[in-house]
Amino acid sequence: MKRKKLKFLKGEKFMYIMLLLLVIAIPTVNVFSKALLSETNIRAEKLKSKIEKQENANESLEMQIDELVSMENIQKIADEYGLSYISDNIVQVEEEK
């Protein structure tokens, strides 16, 4: 019994190869894009964490500044150095936000 050899039409072989490539490429591209998205999300979370830490540090420093410029602290330091308190001589400088 002789087997018939399959003959492809013009372009049919090309179409099968392209179909096979698409079947392989689509899942590969899908996995790659999801991995890239996951990496980007991880970077974003790290940046959010850094920003939150910096905001907490800034808040702590602002509290320290407020404590240092309090009238009680100014009066205590003035007394230590033998200075007198004259409210007309005090100028408070604030940075615009």
C-alpha atoms as a PDB file:
ATOM      1  CA  MET A   1       0.000   0.000   0.000  1.00  0.00           C
ATOM      2  CA  LYS A   2       1.456   3.270  -1.100  1.00  0.00           C
ATOM      3  CA  ARG A   3       0.902   6.380   0.927  1.00  0.00           C
ATOM      4  CA  LYS A   4       0.011   9.511  -0.846  1.00  0.00           C
ATOM      5  CA  LYS A   5       2.316  12.406  -0.221  1.00  0.00           C
ATOM      6  CA  LEU A   6       0.485  15.488   0.985  1.00  0.00           C
ATOM      7  CA  LYS A   7       0.921  18.396  -1.310  1.00  0.00           C
ATOM      8  CA  PHE A   8       0.311  21.888  -0.038  1.00  0.00           C
ATOM      9  CA  LEU A   9      -1.165  24.554  -2.182  1.00  0.00           C
ATOM     10  CA  LYS A  10       0.691  27.751  -2.879  1.00  0.00           C
ATOM     11  CA  GLY A  11       0.884  29.756   0.335  1.00  0.00           C
ATOM     12  CA  GLU A  12      -0.751  27.018   2.411  1.00  0.00           C
ATOM     13  CA  LYS A  13       2.567  26.002   3.931  1.00  0.00           C
ATOM     14  CA  PHE A  14       3.270  29.663   4.721  1.00  0.00           C
ATOM     15  CA  MET A  15      -0.152  30.003   6.371  1.00  0.00           C
ATOM     16  CA  TYR A  16       0.451  26.932   8.565  1.00  0.00           C
ATOM     17  CA  ILE A  17       3.829  28.245   9.652  1.00  0.00           C
ATOM     18  CA  MET A  18       2.337  31.664  10.453  1.00  0.00           C
ATOM     19  CA  LEU A  19      -0.475  30.022  12.438  1.00  0.00           C
ATOM     20  CA  LEU A  20       2.047  27.973  14.402  1.00  0.00           C
ATOM     21  CA  LEU A  21       4.127  31.090  15.107  1.00  0.00           C
ATOM     22  CA  LEU A  22       1.032  32.977  16.312  1.00  0.00           C
ATOM     23  CA  VAL A  23       0.025  30.099  18.574  1.00  0.00           C
ATOM     24  CA  ILE A  24       3.487  30.247  20.147  1.00  0.00           C
ATOM     25  CA  ALA A  25       3.969  34.040  20.117  1.00  0.00           C
ATOM     26  CA  ILE A  26       0.656  35.181  21.647  1.00  0.00           C
ATOM     27  CA  PRO A  27       1.056  33.352  24.993  1.00  0.00           C
ATOM     28  CA  THR A  28       4.738  34.304  25.124  1.00  0.00           C
ATOM     29  CA  VAL A  29       3.987  37.992  24.616  1.00  0.00           C
ATOM     30  CA  ASN A  30       1.158  37.770  27.156  1.00  0.00           C
ATOM     31  CA  VAL A  31       3.454  36.304  29.835  1.00  0.00           C
ATOM     32  CA  PHE A  32       6.181  38.840  29.055  1.00  0.00           C
ATOM     33  CA  SER A  33       3.800  41.803  29.288  1.00  0.00           C
ATOM     34  CA  LYS A  34       2.343  40.581  32.597  1.00  0.00           C
ATOM     35  CA  ALA A  35       5.858  40.164  34.017  1.00  0.00           C
ATOM     36  CA  LEU A  36       6.709  43.700  32.923  1.00  0.00           C
ATOM     37  CA  LEU A  37       3.514  45.039  34.491  1.00  0.00           C
ATOM     38  CA  SER A  38       4.274  43.204  37.731  1.00  0.00           C
ATOM     39  CA  GLU A  39       7.786  44.681  37.838  1.00  0.00           C
ATOM     40  CA  THR A  40       6.374  48.162  37.277  1.00  0.00           C
ATOM     41  CA  ASN A  41       3.861  47.694  40.095  1.00  0.00           C
ATOM     42  CA  ILE A  42       6.640  46.591  42.448  1.00  0.00           C
ATOM     43  CA  ARG A  43       8.659  49.720  41.597  1.00  0.00           C
ATOM     44  CA  ALA A  44       5.602  51.907  42.179  1.00  0.00           C
ATOM     45  CA  GLU A  45       4.990  50.344  45.605  1.00  0.00           C
ATOM     46  CA  LYS A  46       8.637  50.871  46.572  1.00  0.00           C
ATOM     47  CA  LEU A  47       8.399  54.522  45.538  1.00  0.00           C
ATOM     48  CA  LYS A  48       5.163  54.966  47.507  1.00  0.00           C
ATOM     49  CA  SER A  49       6.875  53.480  50.549  1.00  0.00           C
ATOM     50  CA  LYS A  50       9.849  55.843  50.154  1.00  0.00           C
ATOM     51  CA  ILE A  51       7.528  58.830  49.785  1.00  0.00           C
ATOM     52  CA  GLU A  52       5.593  57.829  52.892  1.00  0.00           C
ATOM     53  CA  LYS A  53       8.811  57.479  54.923  1.00  0.00           C
ATOM     54  CA  GLN A  54      10.002  60.885  53.731  1.00  0.00           C
ATOM     55  CA  GLU A  55       6.660  62.499  54.574  1.00  0.00           C
ATOM     56  CA  ASN A  56       6.854  61.030  58.075  1.00  0.00           C
ATOM     57  CA  ALA A  57      10.402  62.341  58.467  1.00  0.00           C
ATOM     58  CA  ASN A  58       9.305  65.794  57.259  1.00  0.00           C
ATOM     59  CA  GLU A  59       6.402  65.795  59.691  1.00  0.00           C
ATOM     60  CA  SER A  60       8.734  64.873  62.546  1.00  0.00           C
ATOM     61  CA  LEU A  61      11.132  67.674  61.588  1.00  0.00           C
ATOM     62  CA  GLU A  62       8.271  70.174  61.421  1.00  0.00           C
ATOM     63  CA  MET A  63       7.239  69.167  64.930  1.00  0.00           C
ATOM     64  CA  GLN A  64      10.821  69.674  66.136  1.00  0.00           C
ATOM     65  CA  ILE A  65      10.909  73.107  64.503  1.00  0.00           C
ATOM     66  CA  ASP A  66       7.629  74.068  66.167  1.00  0.00           C
ATOM     67  CA  GLU A  67       9.001  72.910  69.499  1.00  0.00           C
ATOM     68  CA  LEU A  68      12.242  74.861  69.081  1.00  0.00           C
ATOM     69  CA  VAL A  69      10.491  78.121  68.148  1.00  0.00           C
ATOM     70  CA  SER A  70       8.032  77.933  71.034  1.00  0.00           C
ATOM     71  CA  MET A  71       7.952  80.957  73.354  1.00  0.00           C
ATOM     72  CA  GLU A  72       8.901  78.820  76.363  1.00  0.00           C
ATOM     73  CA  ASN A  73      12.029  77.591  74.624  1.00  0.00           C
ATOM     74  CA  ILE A  74      12.980  81.076  73.436  1.00  0.00           C
ATOM     75  CA  GLN A  75      12.508  82.464  76.944  1.00  0.00           C
ATOM     76  CA  LYS A  76      14.568  79.634  78.478  1.00  0.00           C
ATOM     77  CA  ILE A  77      17.464  80.189  76.063  1.00  0.00           C
ATOM     78  CA  ALA A  78      17.279  83.952  76.581  1.00  0.00           C
ATOM     79  CA  ASP A  79      17.471  83.451  80.360  1.00  0.00           C
ATOM     80  CA  GLU A  80      20.459  81.087  79.972  1.00  0.00           C
ATOM     81  CA  TYR A  81      22.440  83.741  78.121  1.00  0.00           C
ATOM     82  CA  GLY A  82      21.257  86.598  80.284  1.00  0.00           C
ATOM     83  CA  LEU A  83      19.200  88.183  77.532  1.00  0.00           C
ATOM     84  CA  SER A  84      15.923  89.964  77.988  1.00  0.00           C
ATOM     85  CA  TYR A  85      12.748  89.366  76.011  1.00  0.00           C
ATOM     86  CA  ILE A  86      11.479  92.310  73.965  1.00  0.00           C
ATOM     87  CA  SER A  87       8.603  91.241  71.764  1.00  0.00           C
ATOM     88  CA  ASP A  88       9.089  94.148  69.334  1.00  0.00           C
ATOM     89  CA  ASN A  89      12.496  92.761  68.330  1.00  0.00           C
ATOM     90  CA  ILE A  90      11.191  89.317  67.369  1.00  0.00           C
ATOM     91  CA  VAL A  91      10.533  88.727  63.692  1.00  0.00           C
ATOM     92  CA  GLN A  92       9.191  85.412  62.516  1.00  0.00           C
ATOM     93  CA  VAL A  93      10.248  84.379  59.036  1.00  0.00           C
ATOM     94  CA  GLU A  94       8.176  81.736  57.260  1.00  0.00           C
ATOM     95  CA  GLU A  95       8.807  80.037  53.969  1.00  0.00           C
ATOM     96  CA  GLU A  96       6.009  80.227  51.412  1.00  0.00           C
ATOM     97  CA  LYS A  97       4.514  76.865  50.500  1.00  0.00           C
END
